[in-house]
Amino acid sequence: MREHMSHQERRELWRERIAAFYDSGQSASQFCAEHGLKPHQFWYWLRRLRNETEPGMHDTTFVSVVTTSSPSDVSRSPLILRIGSVEIDVRPGYDASTLAELIRLVMRVC
């Protein structure tokens, strides 16, 4: 790696590193150790890039939910998650960790 990188080059390098981290499935500490990264730099860039690319992600809003079916009907019905233009049908018995990873991926792409 060059000693003196432009701000844009450094930003792009960290974008690639953060994308590789998400794709790796590793914890942040494992990823940093494997790639020779300083954890404090990793967290700095993760927050910085997330804040730049997802400005609305930090706004919290509450919505009202009204149920229209009985509990027995709900247990057999899929849950439909909409993220941007993507719809995800979540059926009973889903794997929560797989769903969480899928949501992170879709949010990054949308």
PDB file of N, CA and C in Angstrom:
ATOM      1  N   MET A   1       0.841  -1.176   0.000  1.00  0.00           N
ATOM      2  CA  MET A   1       0.000   0.000   0.000  1.00  0.00           C
ATOM      3  C   MET A   1       0.881   1.231   0.000  1.00  0.00           C
ATOM      4  N   ARG A   2       0.510   2.223  -0.797  1.00  0.00           N
ATOM      5  CA  ARG A   2       1.270   3.468  -0.845  1.00  0.00           C
ATOM      6  C   ARG A   2       1.220   4.165   0.497  1.00  0.00           C
ATOM      7  N   GLU A   3       2.294   4.881   0.795  1.00  0.00           N
ATOM      8  CA  GLU A   3       2.359   5.584   2.072  1.00  0.00           C
ATOM      9  C   GLU A   3       1.410   6.772   2.113  1.00  0.00           C
ATOM     10  N   HIS A   4       1.307   7.507   1.008  1.00  0.00           N
ATOM     11  CA  HIS A   4       0.453   8.695   0.971  1.00  0.00           C
ATOM     12  C   HIS A   4      -0.687   8.470  -0.015  1.00  0.00           C
ATOM     13  N   MET A   5      -1.862   8.230   0.511  1.00  0.00           N
ATOM     14  CA  MET A   5      -3.043   8.027  -0.323  1.00  0.00           C
ATOM     15  C   MET A   5      -3.903   9.277  -0.249  1.00  0.00           C
ATOM     16  N   SER A   6      -4.617   9.547  -1.330  1.00  0.00           N
ATOM     17  CA  SER A   6      -5.569  10.657  -1.289  1.00  0.00           C
ATOM     18  C   SER A   6      -6.733  10.256  -0.383  1.00  0.00           C
ATOM     19  N   HIS A   7      -7.473  11.245   0.050  1.00  0.00           N
ATOM     20  CA  HIS A   7      -8.625  10.979   0.912  1.00  0.00           C
ATOM     21  C   HIS A   7      -9.606  10.042   0.209  1.00  0.00           C
ATOM     22  N   GLN A   8      -9.835  10.264  -1.079  1.00  0.00           N
ATOM     23  CA  GLN A   8     -10.763   9.433  -1.837  1.00  0.00           C
ATOM     24  C   GLN A   8     -10.249   7.997  -1.961  1.00  0.00           C
ATOM     25  N   GLU A   9      -8.951   7.832  -2.178  1.00  0.00           N
ATOM     26  CA  GLU A   9      -8.374   6.481  -2.267  1.00  0.00           C
ATOM     27  C   GLU A   9      -8.508   5.750  -0.933  1.00  0.00           C
ATOM     28  N   ARG A  10      -8.261   6.463   0.155  1.00  0.00           N
ATOM     29  CA  ARG A  10      -8.370   5.856   1.484  1.00  0.00           C
ATOM     30  C   ARG A  10      -9.826   5.455   1.764  1.00  0.00           C
ATOM     31  N   ARG A  11     -10.742   6.348   1.400  1.00  0.00           N
ATOM     32  CA  ARG A  11     -12.172   6.061   1.587  1.00  0.00           C
ATOM     33  C   ARG A  11     -12.573   4.815   0.795  1.00  0.00           C
ATOM     34  N   GLU A  12     -12.124   4.700  -0.447  1.00  0.00           N
ATOM     35  CA  GLU A  12     -12.451   3.542  -1.283  1.00  0.00           C
ATOM     36  C   GLU A  12     -11.841   2.262  -0.714  1.00  0.00           C
ATOM     37  N   LEU A  13     -10.613   2.345  -0.235  1.00  0.00           N
ATOM     38  CA  LEU A  13      -9.966   1.190   0.387  1.00  0.00           C
ATOM     39  C   LEU A  13     -10.794   0.689   1.567  1.00  0.00           C
ATOM     40  N   TRP A  14     -11.255   1.611   2.400  1.00  0.00           N
ATOM     41  CA  TRP A  14     -12.046   1.214   3.568  1.00  0.00           C
ATOM     42  C   TRP A  14     -13.433   0.724   3.171  1.00  0.00           C
ATOM     43  N   ARG A  15     -14.004   1.261   2.099  1.00  0.00           N
ATOM     44  CA  ARG A  15     -15.286   0.726   1.615  1.00  0.00           C
ATOM     45  C   ARG A  15     -15.119  -0.743   1.234  1.00  0.00           C
ATOM     46  N   GLU A  16     -14.029  -1.042   0.540  1.00  0.00           N
ATOM     47  CA  GLU A  16     -13.761  -2.425   0.136  1.00  0.00           C
ATOM     48  C   GLU A  16     -13.536  -3.312   1.352  1.00  0.00           C
ATOM     49  N   ARG A  17     -12.802  -2.809   2.333  1.00  0.00           N
ATOM     50  CA  ARG A  17     -12.553  -3.591   3.548  1.00  0.00           C
ATOM     51  C   ARG A  17     -13.852  -3.871   4.302  1.00  0.00           C
ATOM     52  N   ILE A  18     -14.702  -2.871   4.430  1.00  0.00           N
ATOM     53  CA  ILE A  18     -15.966  -3.040   5.151  1.00  0.00           C
ATOM     54  C   ILE A  18     -16.863  -4.033   4.407  1.00  0.00           C
ATOM     55  N   ALA A  19     -16.907  -3.948   3.083  1.00  0.00           N
ATOM     56  CA  ALA A  19     -17.692  -4.906   2.296  1.00  0.00           C
ATOM     57  C   ALA A  19     -17.156  -6.320   2.492  1.00  0.00           C
ATOM     58  N   ALA A  20     -15.833  -6.464   2.506  1.00  0.00           N
ATOM     59  CA  ALA A  20     -15.221  -7.780   2.731  1.00  0.00           C
ATOM     60  C   ALA A  20     -15.560  -8.295   4.123  1.00  0.00           C
ATOM     61  N   PHE A  21     -15.594  -7.399   5.104  1.00  0.00           N
ATOM     62  CA  PHE A  21     -15.965  -7.792   6.470  1.00  0.00           C
ATOM     63  C   PHE A  21     -17.384  -8.353   6.485  1.00  0.00           C
ATOM     64  N   TYR A  22     -18.345  -7.643   5.882  1.00  0.00           N
ATOM     65  CA  TYR A  22     -19.729  -8.121   5.871  1.00  0.00           C
ATOM     66  C   TYR A  22     -19.842  -9.463   5.149  1.00  0.00           C
ATOM     67  N   ASP A  23     -19.088  -9.635   4.078  1.00  0.00           N
ATOM     68  CA  ASP A  23     -19.133 -10.891   3.329  1.00  0.00           C
ATOM     69  C   ASP A  23     -18.463 -12.043   4.066  1.00  0.00           C
ATOM     70  N   SER A  24     -17.548 -11.722   4.984  1.00  0.00           N
ATOM     71  CA  SER A  24     -16.757 -12.759   5.651  1.00  0.00           C
ATOM     72  C   SER A  24     -17.536 -13.564   6.682  1.00  0.00           C
ATOM     73  N   GLY A  25     -18.528 -12.945   7.312  1.00  0.00           N
ATOM     74  CA  GLY A  25     -19.254 -13.631   8.380  1.00  0.00           C
ATOM     75  C   GLY A  25     -18.475 -13.699   9.682  1.00  0.00           C
ATOM     76  N   GLN A  26     -17.316 -13.071   9.731  1.00  0.00           N
ATOM     77  CA  GLN A  26     -16.480 -13.082  10.925  1.00  0.00           C
ATOM     78  C   GLN A  26     -16.893 -11.970  11.877  1.00  0.00           C
ATOM     79  N   SER A  27     -16.440 -12.111  13.129  1.00  0.00           N
ATOM     80  CA  SER A  27     -16.605 -10.997  14.059  1.00  0.00           C
ATOM     81  C   SER A  27     -15.611  -9.913  13.646  1.00  0.00           C
ATOM     82  N   ALA A  28     -15.843  -8.701  14.122  1.00  0.00           N
ATOM     83  CA  ALA A  28     -14.949  -7.594  13.779  1.00  0.00           C
ATOM     84  C   ALA A  28     -13.532  -7.868  14.270  1.00  0.00           C
ATOM     85  N   SER A  29     -13.404  -8.406  15.479  1.00  0.00           N
ATOM     86  CA  SER A  29     -12.058  -8.660  16.006  1.00  0.00           C
ATOM     87  C   SER A  29     -11.341  -9.741  15.196  1.00  0.00           C
ATOM     88  N   GLN A  30     -12.057 -10.775  14.773  1.00  0.00           N
ATOM     89  CA  GLN A  30     -11.443 -11.812  13.937  1.00  0.00           C
ATOM     90  C   GLN A  30     -10.995 -11.222  12.600  1.00  0.00           C
ATOM     91  N   PHE A  31     -11.867 -10.438  11.993  1.00  0.00           N
ATOM     92  CA  PHE A  31     -11.560  -9.846  10.696  1.00  0.00           C
ATOM     93  C   PHE A  31     -10.343  -8.933  10.793  1.00  0.00           C
ATOM     94  N   CYS A  32     -10.316  -8.082  11.825  1.00  0.00           N
ATOM     95  CA  CYS A  32      -9.186  -7.158  11.998  1.00  0.00           C
ATOM     96  C   CYS A  32      -7.881  -7.926  12.189  1.00  0.00           C
ATOM     97  N   ALA A  33      -7.913  -8.958  13.021  1.00  0.00           N
ATOM     98  CA  ALA A  33      -6.703  -9.739  13.276  1.00  0.00           C
ATOM     99  C   ALA A  33      -6.217 -10.416  11.994  1.00  0.00           C
ATOM    100  N   GLU A  34      -7.138 -10.991  11.241  1.00  0.00           N
ATOM    101  CA  GLU A  34      -6.767 -11.706  10.014  1.00  0.00           C
ATOM    102  C   GLU A  34      -6.207 -10.769   8.945  1.00  0.00           C
ATOM    103  N   HIS A  35      -6.687  -9.520   8.919  1.00  0.00           N
ATOM    104  CA  HIS A  35      -6.277  -8.577   7.881  1.00  0.00           C
ATOM    105  C   HIS A  35      -5.285  -7.530   8.371  1.00  0.00           C
ATOM    106  N   GLY A  36      -4.805  -7.684   9.604  1.00  0.00           N
ATOM    107  CA  GLY A  36      -3.808  -6.758  10.129  1.00  0.00           C
ATOM    108  C   GLY A  36      -4.323  -5.340  10.305  1.00  0.00           C
ATOM    109  N   LEU A  37      -5.590  -5.212  10.670  1.00  0.00           N
ATOM    110  CA  LEU A  37      -6.200  -3.892  10.847  1.00  0.00           C
ATOM    111  C   LEU A  37      -6.280  -3.539  12.325  1.00  0.00           C
ATOM    112  N   LYS A  38      -6.186  -2.257  12.619  1.00  0.00           N
ATOM    113  CA  LYS A  38      -6.349  -1.793  13.994  1.00  0.00           C
ATOM    114  C   LYS A  38      -7.846  -1.651  14.261  1.00  0.00           C
ATOM    115  N   PRO A  39      -8.341  -2.306  15.317  1.00  0.00           N
ATOM    116  CA  PRO A  39      -9.787  -2.264  15.581  1.00  0.00           C
ATOM    117  C   PRO A  39     -10.359  -0.850  15.683  1.00  0.00           C
ATOM    118  N   HIS A  40      -9.630   0.081  16.300  1.00  0.00           N
ATOM    119  CA  HIS A  40     -10.186   1.434  16.432  1.00  0.00           C
ATOM    120  C   HIS A  40     -10.341   2.106  15.064  1.00  0.00           C
ATOM    121  N   GLN A  41      -9.423   1.828  14.138  1.00  0.00           N
ATOM    122  CA  GLN A  41      -9.564   2.377  12.784  1.00  0.00           C
ATOM    123  C   GLN A  41     -10.745   1.729  12.062  1.00  0.00           C
ATOM    124  N   PHE A  42     -10.856   0.418  12.239  1.00  0.00           N
ATOM    125  CA  PHE A  42     -11.960  -0.311  11.617  1.00  0.00           C
ATOM    126  C   PHE A  42     -13.293   0.284  12.055  1.00  0.00           C
ATOM    127  N   TRP A  43     -13.506   0.464  13.354  1.00  0.00           N
ATOM    128  CA  TRP A  43     -14.777   0.986  13.865  1.00  0.00           C
ATOM    129  C   TRP A  43     -14.998   2.429  13.423  1.00  0.00           C
ATOM    130  N   TYR A  44     -13.936   3.209  13.382  1.00  0.00           N
ATOM    131  CA  TYR A  44     -14.048   4.592  12.914  1.00  0.00           C
ATOM    132  C   TYR A  44     -14.604   4.623  11.492  1.00  0.00           C
ATOM    133  N   TRP A  45     -13.986   3.840  10.602  1.00  0.00           N
ATOM    134  CA  TRP A  45     -14.407   3.850   9.198  1.00  0.00           C
ATOM    135  C   TRP A  45     -15.781   3.210   9.014  1.00  0.00           C
ATOM    136  N   LEU A  46     -16.081   2.188   9.779  1.00  0.00           N
ATOM    137  CA  LEU A  46     -17.399   1.566   9.685  1.00  0.00           C
ATOM    138  C   LEU A  46     -18.486   2.591  10.015  1.00  0.00           C
ATOM    139  N   ARG A  47     -18.311   3.320  11.120  1.00  0.00           N
ATOM    140  CA  ARG A  47     -19.289   4.349  11.495  1.00  0.00           C
ATOM    141  C   ARG A  47     -19.333   5.470  10.455  1.00  0.00           C
ATOM    142  N   ARG A  48     -18.190   5.912  10.023  1.00  0.00           N
ATOM    143  CA  ARG A  48     -18.123   7.029   9.076  1.00  0.00           C
ATOM    144  C   ARG A  48     -18.808   6.683   7.757  1.00  0.00           C
ATOM    145  N   LEU A  49     -18.491   5.520   7.216  1.00  0.00           N
ATOM    146  CA  LEU A  49     -19.085   5.130   5.939  1.00  0.00           C
ATOM    147  C   LEU A  49     -20.572   4.823   6.087  1.00  0.00           C
ATOM    148  N   ARG A  50     -20.965   4.235   7.190  1.00  0.00           N
ATOM    149  CA  ARG A  50     -22.380   3.943   7.421  1.00  0.00           C
ATOM    150  C   ARG A  50     -23.171   5.246   7.513  1.00  0.00           C
ATOM    151  N   ASN A  51     -22.630   6.237   8.213  1.00  0.00           N
ATOM    152  CA  ASN A  51     -23.317   7.522   8.351  1.00  0.00           C
ATOM    153  C   ASN A  51     -23.437   8.249   7.019  1.00  0.00           C
ATOM    154  N   GLU A  52     -22.454   8.085   6.149  1.00  0.00           N
ATOM    155  CA  GLU A  52     -22.499   8.733   4.836  1.00  0.00           C
ATOM    156  C   GLU A  52     -23.497   8.071   3.903  1.00  0.00           C
ATOM    157  N   THR A  53     -23.567   6.745   3.942  1.00  0.00           N
ATOM    158  CA  THR A  53     -24.391   6.027   2.973  1.00  0.00           C
ATOM    159  C   THR A  53     -25.797   5.755   3.467  1.00  0.00           C
ATOM    160  N   GLU A  54     -26.029   5.815   4.767  1.00  0.00           N
ATOM    161  CA  GLU A  54     -27.337   5.498   5.319  1.00  0.00           C
ATOM    162  C   GLU A  54     -27.818   6.606   6.247  1.00  0.00           C
ATOM    163  N   PRO A  55     -27.964   7.844   5.756  1.00  0.00           N
ATOM    164  CA  PRO A  55     -28.328   8.928   6.662  1.00  0.00           C
ATOM    165  C   PRO A  55     -29.673   8.729   7.340  1.00  0.00           C
ATOM    166  N   GLY A  56     -30.644   8.126   6.675  1.00  0.00           N
ATOM    167  CA  GLY A  56     -31.960   7.935   7.275  1.00  0.00           C
ATOM    168  C   GLY A  56     -32.065   6.718   8.165  1.00  0.00           C
ATOM    169  N   MET A  57     -31.037   5.891   8.193  1.00  0.00           N
ATOM    170  CA  MET A  57     -31.096   4.658   8.967  1.00  0.00           C
ATOM    171  C   MET A  57     -31.084   4.912  10.469  1.00  0.00           C
ATOM    172  N   HIS A  58     -30.704   6.101  10.885  1.00  0.00           N
ATOM    173  CA  HIS A  58     -30.584   6.362  12.310  1.00  0.00           C
ATOM    174  C   HIS A  58     -31.816   7.051  12.877  1.00  0.00           C
ATOM    175  N   ASP A  59     -32.774   7.379  12.016  1.00  0.00           N
ATOM    176  CA  ASP A  59     -34.016   7.968  12.481  1.00  0.00           C
ATOM    177  C   ASP A  59     -34.936   6.846  12.934  1.00  0.00           C
ATOM    178  N   THR A  60     -35.492   6.976  14.127  1.00  0.00           N
ATOM    179  CA  THR A  60     -36.387   5.963  14.651  1.00  0.00           C
ATOM    180  C   THR A  60     -37.809   6.476  14.571  1.00  0.00           C
ATOM    181  N   THR A  61     -38.676   5.664  14.014  1.00  0.00           N
ATOM    182  CA  THR A  61     -40.089   6.003  13.988  1.00  0.00           C
ATOM    183  C   THR A  61     -40.878   4.792  14.438  1.00  0.00           C
ATOM    184  N   PHE A  62     -42.005   5.039  15.036  1.00  0.00           N
ATOM    185  CA  PHE A  62     -42.872   3.965  15.482  1.00  0.00           C
ATOM    186  C   PHE A  62     -44.119   3.975  14.623  1.00  0.00           C
ATOM    187  N   VAL A  63     -44.612   2.793  14.337  1.00  0.00           N
ATOM    188  CA  VAL A  63     -45.828   2.682  13.550  1.00  0.00           C
ATOM    189  C   VAL A  63     -46.837   1.844  14.314  1.00  0.00           C
ATOM    190  N   SER A  64     -48.074   2.076  14.033  1.00  0.00           N
ATOM    191  CA  SER A  64     -49.148   1.318  14.652  1.00  0.00           C
ATOM    192  C   SER A  64     -49.353   0.033  13.851  1.00  0.00           C
ATOM    193  N   VAL A  65     -49.554  -1.078  14.544  1.00  0.00           N
ATOM    194  CA  VAL A  65     -49.784  -2.357  13.884  1.00  0.00           C
ATOM    195  C   VAL A  65     -51.158  -2.862  14.300  1.00  0.00           C
ATOM    196  N   VAL A  66     -51.973  -3.184  13.322  1.00  0.00           N
ATOM    197  CA  VAL A  66     -53.309  -3.696  13.589  1.00  0.00           C
ATOM    198  C   VAL A  66     -53.369  -5.117  13.055  1.00  0.00           C
ATOM    199  N   THR A  67     -53.769  -6.062  13.901  1.00  0.00           N
ATOM    200  CA  THR A  67     -53.887  -7.448  13.450  1.00  0.00           C
ATOM    201  C   THR A  67     -55.310  -7.688  12.977  1.00  0.00           C
ATOM    202  N   THR A  68     -55.437  -8.469  11.919  1.00  0.00           N
ATOM    203  CA  THR A  68     -56.761  -8.729  11.356  1.00  0.00           C
ATOM    204  C   THR A  68     -57.095 -10.205  11.303  1.00  0.00           C
ATOM    205  N   SER A  69     -56.246 -11.057  11.826  1.00  0.00           N
ATOM    206  CA  SER A  69     -56.530 -12.486  11.790  1.00  0.00           C
ATOM    207  C   SER A  69     -56.268 -13.090  13.159  1.00  0.00           C
ATOM    208  N   SER A  70     -56.794 -14.276  13.348  1.00  0.00           N
ATOM    209  CA  SER A  70     -56.628 -14.952  14.632  1.00  0.00           C
ATOM    210  C   SER A  70     -55.199 -15.459  14.766  1.00  0.00           C
ATOM    211  N   PRO A  71     -54.729 -15.700  15.992  1.00  0.00           N
ATOM    212  CA  PRO A  71     -53.354 -16.189  16.186  1.00  0.00           C
ATOM    213  C   PRO A  71     -53.046 -17.471  15.423  1.00  0.00           C
ATOM    214  N   SER A  72     -54.030 -18.384  15.296  1.00  0.00           N
ATOM    215  CA  SER A  72     -53.755 -19.632  14.576  1.00  0.00           C
ATOM    216  C   SER A  72     -53.528 -19.374  13.089  1.00  0.00           C
ATOM    217  N   ASP A  73     -54.245 -18.394  12.515  1.00  0.00           N
ATOM    218  CA  ASP A  73     -54.024 -18.038  11.113  1.00  0.00           C
ATOM    219  C   ASP A  73     -52.647 -17.412  10.922  1.00  0.00           C
ATOM    220  N   VAL A  74     -52.242 -16.590  11.872  1.00  0.00           N
ATOM    221  CA  VAL A  74     -50.964 -15.891  11.779  1.00  0.00           C
ATOM    222  C   VAL A  74     -49.801 -16.867  11.797  1.00  0.00           C
ATOM    223  N   SER A  75     -49.889 -17.923  12.594  1.00  0.00           N
ATOM    224  CA  SER A  75     -48.762 -18.849  12.709  1.00  0.00           C
ATOM    225  C   SER A  75     -48.481 -19.586  11.406  1.00  0.00           C
ATOM    226  N   ARG A  76     -49.471 -19.705  10.528  1.00  0.00           N
ATOM    227  CA  ARG A  76     -49.262 -20.387   9.250  1.00  0.00           C
ATOM    228  C   ARG A  76     -48.950 -19.411   8.119  1.00  0.00           C
ATOM    229  N   SER A  77     -49.187 -18.139   8.343  1.00  0.00           N
ATOM    230  CA  SER A  77     -49.001 -17.140   7.292  1.00  0.00           C
ATOM    231  C   SER A  77     -47.566 -16.633   7.271  1.00  0.00           C
ATOM    232  N   PRO A  78     -47.046 -16.357   6.071  1.00  0.00           N
ATOM    233  CA  PRO A  78     -45.696 -15.781   6.015  1.00  0.00           C
ATOM    234  C   PRO A  78     -45.730 -14.314   6.430  1.00  0.00           C
ATOM    235  N   LEU A  79     -44.628 -13.862   6.951  1.00  0.00           N
ATOM    236  CA  LEU A  79     -44.424 -12.448   7.241  1.00  0.00           C
ATOM    237  C   LEU A  79     -43.748 -11.868   6.010  1.00  0.00           C
ATOM    238  N   ILE A  80     -44.221 -10.742   5.532  1.00  0.00           N
ATOM    239  CA  ILE A  80     -43.623 -10.124   4.350  1.00  0.00           C
ATOM    240  C   ILE A  80     -42.873  -8.880   4.790  1.00  0.00           C
ATOM    241  N   LEU A  81     -41.557  -8.889   4.580  1.00  0.00           N
ATOM    242  CA  LEU A  81     -40.714  -7.734   4.877  1.00  0.00           C
ATOM    243  C   LEU A  81     -40.468  -6.990   3.580  1.00  0.00           C
ATOM    244  N   ARG A  82     -40.624  -5.684   3.611  1.00  0.00           N
ATOM    245  CA  ARG A  82     -40.344  -4.867   2.430  1.00  0.00           C
ATOM    246  C   ARG A  82     -39.220  -3.905   2.770  1.00  0.00           C
ATOM    247  N   ILE A  83     -38.143  -3.991   2.015  1.00  0.00           N
ATOM    248  CA  ILE A  83     -36.999  -3.094   2.174  1.00  0.00           C
ATOM    249  C   ILE A  83     -36.756  -2.486   0.799  1.00  0.00           C
ATOM    250  N   GLY A  84     -37.107  -1.229   0.656  1.00  0.00           N
ATOM    251  CA  GLY A  84     -37.011  -0.610  -0.661  1.00  0.00           C
ATOM    252  C   GLY A  84     -37.949  -1.322  -1.615  1.00  0.00           C
ATOM    253  N   SER A  85     -37.431  -1.795  -2.722  1.00  0.00           N
ATOM    254  CA  SER A  85     -38.249  -2.496  -3.710  1.00  0.00           C
ATOM    255  C   SER A  85     -38.184  -4.012  -3.542  1.00  0.00           C
ATOM    256  N   VAL A  86     -37.533  -4.473  -2.479  1.00  0.00           N
ATOM    257  CA  VAL A  86     -37.350  -5.908  -2.256  1.00  0.00           C
ATOM    258  C   VAL A  86     -38.378  -6.414  -1.246  1.00  0.00           C
ATOM    259  N   GLU A  87     -39.007  -7.546  -1.553  1.00  0.00           N
ATOM    260  CA  GLU A  87     -39.917  -8.203  -0.622  1.00  0.00           C
ATOM    261  C   GLU A  87     -39.319  -9.534  -0.208  1.00  0.00           C
ATOM    262  N   ILE A  88     -39.373  -9.812   1.091  1.00  0.00           N
ATOM    263  CA  ILE A  88     -38.868 -11.075   1.623  1.00  0.00           C
ATOM    264  C   ILE A  88     -40.015 -11.761   2.344  1.00  0.00           C
ATOM    265  N   ASP A  89     -40.383 -12.974   1.909  1.00  0.00           N
ATOM    266  CA  ASP A  89     -41.396 -13.766   2.606  1.00  0.00           C
ATOM    267  C   ASP A  89     -40.702 -14.573   3.689  1.00  0.00           C
ATOM    268  N   VAL A  90     -41.119 -14.365   4.927  1.00  0.00           N
ATOM    269  CA  VAL A  90     -40.536 -15.087   6.056  1.00  0.00           C
ATOM    270  C   VAL A  90     -41.583 -16.081   6.539  1.00  0.00           C
ATOM    271  N   ARG A  91     -41.287 -17.328   6.404  1.00  0.00           N
ATOM    272  CA  ARG A  91     -42.238 -18.380   6.765  1.00  0.00           C
ATOM    273  C   ARG A  91     -41.919 -18.930   8.159  1.00  0.00           C
ATOM    274  N   PRO A  92     -42.902 -19.554   8.798  1.00  0.00           N
ATOM    275  CA  PRO A  92     -42.655 -20.142  10.122  1.00  0.00           C
ATOM    276  C   PRO A  92     -41.471 -21.105  10.074  1.00  0.00           C
ATOM    277  N   GLY A  93     -40.658 -21.068  11.115  1.00  0.00           N
ATOM    278  CA  GLY A  93     -39.498 -21.943  11.191  1.00  0.00           C
ATOM    279  C   GLY A  93     -38.256 -21.364  10.549  1.00  0.00           C
ATOM    280  N   TYR A  94     -38.276 -20.071  10.205  1.00  0.00           N
ATOM    281  CA  TYR A  94     -37.113 -19.443   9.572  1.00  0.00           C
ATOM    282  C   TYR A  94     -35.914 -19.438  10.516  1.00  0.00           C
ATOM    283  N   ASP A  95     -34.724 -19.355   9.936  1.00  0.00           N
ATOM    284  CA  ASP A  95     -33.483 -19.244  10.708  1.00  0.00           C
ATOM    285  C   ASP A  95     -33.206 -17.760  10.935  1.00  0.00           C
ATOM    286  N   ALA A  96     -33.247 -17.326  12.189  1.00  0.00           N
ATOM    287  CA  ALA A  96     -33.123 -15.902  12.518  1.00  0.00           C
ATOM    288  C   ALA A  96     -31.788 -15.313  12.079  1.00  0.00           C
ATOM    289  N   SER A  97     -30.702 -16.050  12.218  1.00  0.00           N
ATOM    290  CA  SER A  97     -29.398 -15.496  11.841  1.00  0.00           C
ATOM    291  C   SER A  97     -29.290 -15.334  10.320  1.00  0.00           C
ATOM    292  N   THR A  98     -29.849 -16.261   9.572  1.00  0.00           N
ATOM    293  CA  THR A  98     -29.849 -16.140   8.115  1.00  0.00           C
ATOM    294  C   THR A  98     -30.699 -14.947   7.683  1.00  0.00           C
ATOM    295  N   LEU A  99     -31.853 -14.774   8.327  1.00  0.00           N
ATOM    296  CA  LEU A  99     -32.710 -13.634   8.011  1.00  0.00           C
ATOM    297  C   LEU A  99     -32.000 -12.320   8.329  1.00  0.00           C
ATOM    298  N   ALA A 100     -31.336 -12.247   9.472  1.00  0.00           N
ATOM    299  CA  ALA A 100     -30.619 -11.021   9.851  1.00  0.00           C
ATOM    300  C   ALA A 100     -29.539 -10.690   8.824  1.00  0.00           C
ATOM    301  N   GLU A 101     -28.799 -11.692   8.371  1.00  0.00           N
ATOM    302  CA  GLU A 101     -27.748 -11.472   7.371  1.00  0.00           C
ATOM    303  C   GLU A 101     -28.357 -11.029   6.041  1.00  0.00           C
ATOM    304  N   LEU A 102     -29.481 -11.632   5.668  1.00  0.00           N
ATOM    305  CA  LEU A 102     -30.162 -11.258   4.434  1.00  0.00           C
ATOM    306  C   LEU A 102     -30.639  -9.808   4.502  1.00  0.00           C
ATOM    307  N   ILE A 103     -31.183  -9.402   5.629  1.00  0.00           N
ATOM    308  CA  ILE A 103     -31.648  -8.023   5.796  1.00  0.00           C
ATOM    309  C   ILE A 103     -30.479  -7.055   5.682  1.00  0.00           C
ATOM    310  N   ARG A 104     -29.349  -7.378   6.334  1.00  0.00           N
ATOM    311  CA  ARG A 104     -28.166  -6.511   6.235  1.00  0.00           C
ATOM    312  C   ARG A 104     -27.713  -6.373   4.785  1.00  0.00           C
ATOM    313  N   LEU A 105     -27.696  -7.477   4.062  1.00  0.00           N
ATOM    314  CA  LEU A 105     -27.273  -7.460   2.664  1.00  0.00           C
ATOM    315  C   LEU A 105     -28.217  -6.609   1.814  1.00  0.00           C
ATOM    316  N   VAL A 106     -29.512  -6.803   1.977  1.00  0.00           N
ATOM    317  CA  VAL A 106     -30.486  -6.049   1.187  1.00  0.00           C
ATOM    318  C   VAL A 106     -30.403  -4.567   1.514  1.00  0.00           C
ATOM    319  N   MET A 107     -30.238  -4.222   2.784  1.00  0.00           N
ATOM    320  CA  MET A 107     -30.142  -2.813   3.172  1.00  0.00           C
ATOM    321  C   MET A 107     -28.897  -2.168   2.579  1.00  0.00           C
ATOM    322  N   ARG A 108     -27.825  -2.938   2.465  1.00  0.00           N
ATOM    323  CA  ARG A 108     -26.596  -2.400   1.890  1.00  0.00           C
ATOM    324  C   ARG A 108     -26.760  -2.152   0.391  1.00  0.00           C
ATOM    325  N   VAL A 109     -27.515  -3.005  -0.277  1.00  0.00           N
ATOM    326  CA  VAL A 109     -27.676  -2.908  -1.724  1.00  0.00           C
ATOM    327  C   VAL A 109     -28.747  -1.889  -2.114  1.00  0.00           C
ATOM    328  N   CYS A 110     -29.809  -1.801  -1.342  1.00  0.00           N
ATOM    329  CA  CYS A 110     -30.938  -0.906  -1.706  1.00  0.00           C
ATOM    330  C   CYS A 110     -30.650   0.537  -1.396  1.00  0.00           C
TER     331      CYS A 110
END
